[in-house]
Amino acid sequence: MSRREIQQFIHHPGRFTFKDGQANQGMVIVRYNIQEGKIEYYFIPSENMLAYQSAKSNQELNAHKVLGTRLNIEDIHSAEMMN
């Protein structure tokens, strides 16, 4: 998927299918890496979403690295939102 296509799925629970055929439920988040001056995307699997949201509420700055996986959005084949 392109950066433009993925924007509607950021910070929303969904089912993501990757180019390698793997399909996972979770959430894609975006973080700005100040040191490198670029935007990074992370995938938070559904089993870690509650812990991530709690950590984010407690301002744990590295929660996305601990509970998620860095993601190249071009590796996402398709996505659909979940209710």
N, C-alpha and C. Protein backbone atom coordinates (compact mmCIF):
# COMPACT_ATOMS: atom_id res chain seq x y z
N MET A 1 0.85 -1.18 0.00
CA MET A 1 0.00 0.00 0.00
C MET A 1 0.89 1.24 0.00
N SER A 2 0.37 2.29 -0.53
CA SER A 2 1.13 3.54 -0.56
C SER A 2 0.92 4.30 0.75
N ARG A 3 1.76 5.29 0.99
CA ARG A 3 1.62 6.13 2.19
C ARG A 3 0.24 6.79 2.22
N ARG A 4 -0.22 7.19 1.09
CA ARG A 4 -1.54 7.85 1.02
C ARG A 4 -2.66 6.87 1.37
N GLU A 5 -2.59 5.66 0.85
CA GLU A 5 -3.63 4.66 1.11
C GLU A 5 -3.68 4.24 2.57
N ILE A 6 -2.52 4.18 3.23
CA ILE A 6 -2.47 3.68 4.60
C ILE A 6 -2.96 4.70 5.63
N GLN A 7 -3.04 5.97 5.26
CA GLN A 7 -3.38 7.03 6.22
C GLN A 7 -4.69 6.78 6.96
N GLN A 8 -5.70 6.24 6.29
CA GLN A 8 -6.99 6.02 6.95
C GLN A 8 -6.96 4.88 7.97
N PHE A 9 -5.90 4.06 7.94
CA PHE A 9 -5.80 2.92 8.85
C PHE A 9 -4.92 3.19 10.06
N ILE A 10 -4.20 4.31 10.07
CA ILE A 10 -3.27 4.60 11.16
C ILE A 10 -4.05 4.85 12.45
N HIS A 11 -3.60 4.20 13.52
CA HIS A 11 -4.19 4.30 14.86
C HIS A 11 -5.61 3.76 14.92
N HIS A 12 -5.98 2.86 14.00
CA HIS A 12 -7.28 2.20 14.04
C HIS A 12 -7.06 0.69 13.98
N PRO A 13 -7.79 -0.08 14.79
CA PRO A 13 -7.67 -1.53 14.71
C PRO A 13 -8.08 -2.03 13.33
N GLY A 14 -7.34 -3.01 12.84
CA GLY A 14 -7.65 -3.55 11.53
C GLY A 14 -7.00 -4.90 11.30
N ARG A 15 -7.29 -5.45 10.15
CA ARG A 15 -6.68 -6.71 9.72
C ARG A 15 -5.77 -6.35 8.55
N PHE A 16 -4.50 -6.67 8.69
CA PHE A 16 -3.50 -6.29 7.71
C PHE A 16 -2.92 -7.54 7.07
N THR A 17 -2.91 -7.57 5.75
CA THR A 17 -2.32 -8.66 5.00
C THR A 17 -1.03 -8.13 4.38
N PHE A 18 0.04 -8.89 4.59
CA PHE A 18 1.35 -8.46 4.13
C PHE A 18 1.74 -9.19 2.85
N LYS A 19 2.71 -8.66 2.15
CA LYS A 19 3.12 -9.23 0.86
C LYS A 19 3.62 -10.66 0.99
N ASP A 20 4.09 -11.05 2.18
CA ASP A 20 4.56 -12.43 2.38
C ASP A 20 3.41 -13.40 2.63
N GLY A 21 2.16 -12.89 2.59
CA GLY A 21 0.98 -13.73 2.76
C GLY A 21 0.46 -13.79 4.18
N GLN A 22 1.22 -13.29 5.12
CA GLN A 22 0.82 -13.31 6.52
C GLN A 22 -0.27 -12.26 6.75
N ALA A 23 -1.30 -12.63 7.53
CA ALA A 23 -2.39 -11.71 7.86
C ALA A 23 -2.48 -11.61 9.37
N ASN A 24 -2.48 -10.39 9.89
CA ASN A 24 -2.52 -10.16 11.33
C ASN A 24 -3.50 -9.06 11.67
N GLN A 25 -4.12 -9.21 12.84
CA GLN A 25 -4.95 -8.15 13.37
C GLN A 25 -4.10 -7.28 14.28
N GLY A 26 -4.33 -5.99 14.23
CA GLY A 26 -3.56 -5.08 15.05
C GLY A 26 -3.79 -3.64 14.62
N MET A 27 -2.75 -2.83 14.83
CA MET A 27 -2.87 -1.41 14.56
C MET A 27 -1.53 -0.89 14.04
N VAL A 28 -1.58 -0.06 13.03
CA VAL A 28 -0.38 0.60 12.51
C VAL A 28 -0.33 1.98 13.15
N ILE A 29 0.84 2.31 13.70
CA ILE A 29 1.02 3.63 14.27
C ILE A 29 2.17 4.32 13.56
N VAL A 30 2.21 5.62 13.70
CA VAL A 30 3.27 6.40 13.07
C VAL A 30 3.98 7.20 14.16
N ARG A 31 5.29 7.23 14.08
CA ARG A 31 6.11 7.98 15.03
C ARG A 31 7.13 8.80 14.25
N TYR A 32 7.45 9.97 14.75
CA TYR A 32 8.48 10.79 14.12
C TYR A 32 9.78 10.57 14.86
N ASN A 33 10.81 10.12 14.16
CA ASN A 33 12.13 9.90 14.73
C ASN A 33 12.91 11.21 14.60
N ILE A 34 13.05 11.91 15.71
CA ILE A 34 13.70 13.23 15.70
C ILE A 34 15.16 13.11 15.31
N GLN A 35 15.86 12.11 15.86
CA GLN A 35 17.29 11.95 15.58
C GLN A 35 17.58 11.75 14.11
N GLU A 36 16.74 10.96 13.45
CA GLU A 36 16.95 10.68 12.03
C GLU A 36 16.16 11.61 11.12
N GLY A 37 15.24 12.38 11.70
CA GLY A 37 14.45 13.32 10.93
C GLY A 37 13.52 12.66 9.92
N LYS A 38 12.88 11.55 10.34
CA LYS A 38 11.98 10.86 9.42
C LYS A 38 10.82 10.21 10.17
N ILE A 39 9.79 9.91 9.42
CA ILE A 39 8.62 9.23 9.95
C ILE A 39 8.85 7.73 9.90
N GLU A 40 8.47 7.04 10.99
CA GLU A 40 8.57 5.58 11.05
C GLU A 40 7.20 4.99 11.35
N TYR A 41 6.94 3.82 10.81
CA TYR A 41 5.69 3.12 11.02
C TYR A 41 5.96 1.87 11.85
N TYR A 42 5.04 1.56 12.76
CA TYR A 42 5.15 0.38 13.60
C TYR A 42 3.82 -0.37 13.57
N PHE A 43 3.91 -1.70 13.65
CA PHE A 43 2.72 -2.54 13.74
C PHE A 43 2.60 -3.05 15.16
N ILE A 44 1.48 -2.75 15.80
CA ILE A 44 1.19 -3.23 17.15
C ILE A 44 0.19 -4.38 17.00
N PRO A 45 0.59 -5.63 17.29
CA PRO A 45 -0.35 -6.75 17.16
C PRO A 45 -1.51 -6.63 18.14
N SER A 46 -2.63 -7.24 17.80
CA SER A 46 -3.85 -7.09 18.61
C SER A 46 -3.63 -7.49 20.06
N GLU A 47 -2.79 -8.50 20.32
CA GLU A 47 -2.57 -8.94 21.70
C GLU A 47 -1.79 -7.90 22.52
N ASN A 48 -1.16 -6.92 21.87
CA ASN A 48 -0.41 -5.88 22.58
C ASN A 48 -1.10 -4.52 22.55
N MET A 49 -2.26 -4.42 21.91
CA MET A 49 -2.88 -3.10 21.73
C MET A 49 -3.30 -2.46 23.05
N LEU A 50 -3.87 -3.22 23.97
CA LEU A 50 -4.29 -2.67 25.25
C LEU A 50 -3.08 -2.20 26.05
N ALA A 51 -2.03 -3.01 26.06
CA ALA A 51 -0.80 -2.63 26.77
C ALA A 51 -0.17 -1.39 26.14
N TYR A 52 -0.23 -1.29 24.81
CA TYR A 52 0.32 -0.12 24.13
C TYR A 52 -0.47 1.13 24.51
N GLN A 53 -1.78 1.04 24.49
CA GLN A 53 -2.60 2.21 24.82
C GLN A 53 -2.39 2.64 26.26
N SER A 54 -2.22 1.68 27.16
CA SER A 54 -1.93 2.00 28.56
C SER A 54 -0.57 2.67 28.69
N ALA A 55 0.43 2.12 28.02
CA ALA A 55 1.78 2.69 28.06
C ALA A 55 1.80 4.10 27.47
N LYS A 56 1.05 4.29 26.41
CA LYS A 56 0.97 5.61 25.78
C LYS A 56 0.33 6.61 26.74
N SER A 57 -0.69 6.19 27.47
CA SER A 57 -1.34 7.06 28.46
C SER A 57 -0.37 7.45 29.57
N ASN A 58 0.55 6.54 29.88
CA ASN A 58 1.56 6.80 30.92
C ASN A 58 2.82 7.44 30.35
N GLN A 59 2.76 7.86 29.11
CA GLN A 59 3.85 8.55 28.41
C GLN A 59 5.15 7.74 28.38
N GLU A 60 5.03 6.44 28.19
CA GLU A 60 6.20 5.59 28.00
C GLU A 60 6.64 5.74 26.55
N LEU A 61 7.73 6.44 26.36
CA LEU A 61 8.15 6.86 25.03
C LEU A 61 8.58 5.73 24.10
N ASN A 62 9.01 4.60 24.64
CA ASN A 62 9.48 3.50 23.80
C ASN A 62 8.48 2.36 23.69
N ALA A 63 7.23 2.59 24.07
CA ALA A 63 6.22 1.53 24.03
C ALA A 63 6.06 0.95 22.63
N HIS A 64 6.15 1.79 21.61
CA HIS A 64 5.98 1.31 20.24
C HIS A 64 7.10 0.35 19.85
N LYS A 65 8.30 0.53 20.40
CA LYS A 65 9.42 -0.36 20.09
C LYS A 65 9.33 -1.66 20.88
N VAL A 66 8.85 -1.57 22.13
CA VAL A 66 8.76 -2.74 23.00
C VAL A 66 7.59 -3.64 22.58
N LEU A 67 6.45 -3.04 22.25
CA LEU A 67 5.23 -3.80 21.99
C LEU A 67 4.92 -3.99 20.52
N GLY A 68 5.68 -3.34 19.65
CA GLY A 68 5.42 -3.42 18.22
C GLY A 68 6.64 -3.79 17.42
N THR A 69 6.47 -3.79 16.12
CA THR A 69 7.52 -4.12 15.17
C THR A 69 7.59 -3.00 14.14
N ARG A 70 8.81 -2.56 13.86
CA ARG A 70 8.98 -1.53 12.83
C ARG A 70 8.51 -2.10 11.50
N LEU A 71 7.89 -1.25 10.70
CA LEU A 71 7.18 -1.71 9.52
C LEU A 71 7.51 -0.84 8.32
N ASN A 72 7.73 -1.49 7.21
CA ASN A 72 7.82 -0.79 5.93
C ASN A 72 6.42 -0.87 5.32
N ILE A 73 5.75 0.26 5.18
CA ILE A 73 4.36 0.20 4.74
C ILE A 73 4.18 -0.35 3.33
N GLU A 74 5.25 -0.34 2.55
CA GLU A 74 5.16 -0.95 1.22
C GLU A 74 4.99 -2.47 1.32
N ASP A 75 5.27 -3.05 2.51
CA ASP A 75 5.09 -4.48 2.72
C ASP A 75 3.65 -4.86 3.02
N ILE A 76 2.77 -3.87 3.21
CA ILE A 76 1.35 -4.15 3.45
C ILE A 76 0.66 -4.31 2.11
N HIS A 77 0.06 -5.46 1.90
CA HIS A 77 -0.66 -5.72 0.65
C HIS A 77 -2.06 -5.14 0.69
N SER A 78 -2.77 -5.37 1.81
CA SER A 78 -4.12 -4.84 1.94
C SER A 78 -4.46 -4.68 3.41
N ALA A 79 -5.52 -3.91 3.67
CA ALA A 79 -5.95 -3.67 5.04
C ALA A 79 -7.46 -3.45 5.05
N GLU A 80 -8.06 -3.84 6.16
CA GLU A 80 -9.47 -3.56 6.37
C GLU A 80 -9.69 -3.23 7.84
N MET A 81 -10.52 -2.23 8.09
CA MET A 81 -10.78 -1.81 9.46
C MET A 81 -11.67 -2.81 10.16
N MET A 82 -11.46 -2.91 11.47
CA MET A 82 -12.29 -3.77 12.30
C MET A 82 -13.12 -2.90 13.22
N ASN A 83 -14.28 -3.38 13.59
CA ASN A 83 -15.14 -2.64 14.53
C ASN A 83 -14.80 -3.01 15.93
